[in-house]
Protein backbone atom coordinates (compact mmCIF):
# COMPACT_ATOMS: atom_id res chain seq x y z
CA MET A 1 265.90 -116.37 126.43
CA SER A 2 266.03 -112.62 126.82
CA GLU A 3 263.78 -112.90 129.72
CA VAL A 4 265.91 -115.12 131.55
CA ASP A 5 268.91 -112.82 130.72
CA GLU A 6 267.22 -109.82 132.09
CA LYS A 7 265.69 -111.60 135.50
CA SER A 8 269.00 -112.81 135.99
CA ARG A 9 271.59 -110.06 135.44
CA PHE A 10 271.39 -109.25 138.88
CA PHE A 11 273.30 -112.36 140.00
CA PHE A 12 276.21 -111.39 137.78
CA THR A 13 276.32 -107.78 138.44
CA PRO A 14 279.07 -106.31 140.61
CA CYS A 15 277.81 -105.13 143.96
CA ASN A 16 278.93 -101.63 143.36
CA GLU A 17 277.13 -101.57 139.85
CA ILE A 18 274.06 -102.38 141.07
CA GLU A 19 271.52 -99.51 140.87
CA PHE A 20 268.73 -99.49 143.93
CA ASP A 21 265.61 -97.39 144.25
CA SER A 22 266.14 -94.91 146.39
CA LYS A 23 262.79 -94.75 147.48
CA ALA A 24 262.15 -98.41 148.27
CA ILE A 25 265.47 -98.34 150.42
CA GLU A 26 264.36 -95.47 152.74
CA LYS A 27 260.88 -97.12 152.89
CA THR A 28 262.00 -100.76 153.60
CA LEU A 29 265.60 -100.35 155.51
CA LYS A 30 265.58 -96.73 156.94
CA LYS A 31 262.27 -96.09 158.07
CA ASP A 32 261.81 -96.69 161.60
CA ASP A 33 265.14 -95.82 162.89
CA ASN A 34 266.57 -98.17 160.42
CA ALA A 35 264.78 -101.18 161.37
CA GLY A 36 264.71 -102.73 157.86
CA MET A 37 268.74 -102.97 158.44
CA LYS A 38 268.70 -103.89 161.96
CA ALA A 39 266.32 -106.65 160.94
CA LEU A 40 268.66 -107.86 158.20
CA ALA A 41 271.33 -107.56 160.18
CA GLY A 42 269.87 -109.87 162.78
CA VAL A 43 269.08 -112.49 159.89
CA LYS A 44 272.72 -112.01 158.24
CA ASP A 45 273.77 -113.46 161.91
CA ILE A 46 271.37 -116.40 161.74
CA LEU A 47 271.83 -117.22 158.23
CA SER A 48 275.49 -117.50 158.26
CA LYS A 49 275.44 -120.28 160.64
CA VAL A 50 272.80 -122.45 158.38
CA ASP A 51 274.71 -125.18 156.90
CA ASP A 52 271.86 -126.96 155.06
CA TRP A 53 270.29 -123.99 152.64
CA ASN A 54 266.75 -125.54 151.47
CA ALA A 55 263.78 -123.88 151.20
CA ALA A 56 262.34 -125.49 154.43
CA THR A 57 265.35 -124.86 156.45
CA LEU A 58 265.65 -121.09 155.57
CA HIS A 59 261.76 -120.60 156.03
CA ASP A 60 262.10 -122.56 159.45
CA VAL A 61 265.20 -120.43 160.74
CA VAL A 62 263.72 -116.93 159.48
CA ASN A 63 260.50 -117.70 161.28
CA LYS A 64 262.13 -118.40 164.30
CA PHE A 65 264.21 -115.44 164.25
CA VAL A 66 261.00 -113.23 163.64
CA GLU A 67 259.42 -115.16 166.72
CA THR A 68 262.76 -114.43 168.74
CA SER A 69 263.39 -110.93 167.85
CA GLY A 70 259.93 -109.81 168.45
CA ASN A 71 259.50 -108.62 164.96
CA GLN A 72 256.39 -108.96 162.41
CA LEU A 73 257.23 -111.28 159.78
CA GLY A 74 256.64 -108.35 156.96
CA LYS A 75 259.13 -106.27 159.05
CA VAL A 76 261.94 -109.13 158.01
CA ALA A 77 261.09 -110.37 154.86
CA GLN A 78 260.46 -107.66 153.01
CA PRO A 79 264.34 -106.25 153.83
CA ILE A 80 265.36 -109.58 152.83
CA ARG A 81 263.61 -109.38 149.20
């Protein structure tokens, strides 16, 4: 049970109390003129319009964003993670 508690704690922690790895932020979000942040902003806009949040729909929406934005999947998927 302690593993479930540890792994799910993130979902119940207020945003301002979450500790992020500064090296990961730099590498994933800020590198290449904030490419990760820009990808997140684009995906956020598209995901906010999705009504049916299931794996297949989200997979299709993210892949379509990747194709239309000219990004590579890894450059979009990693910031989402």
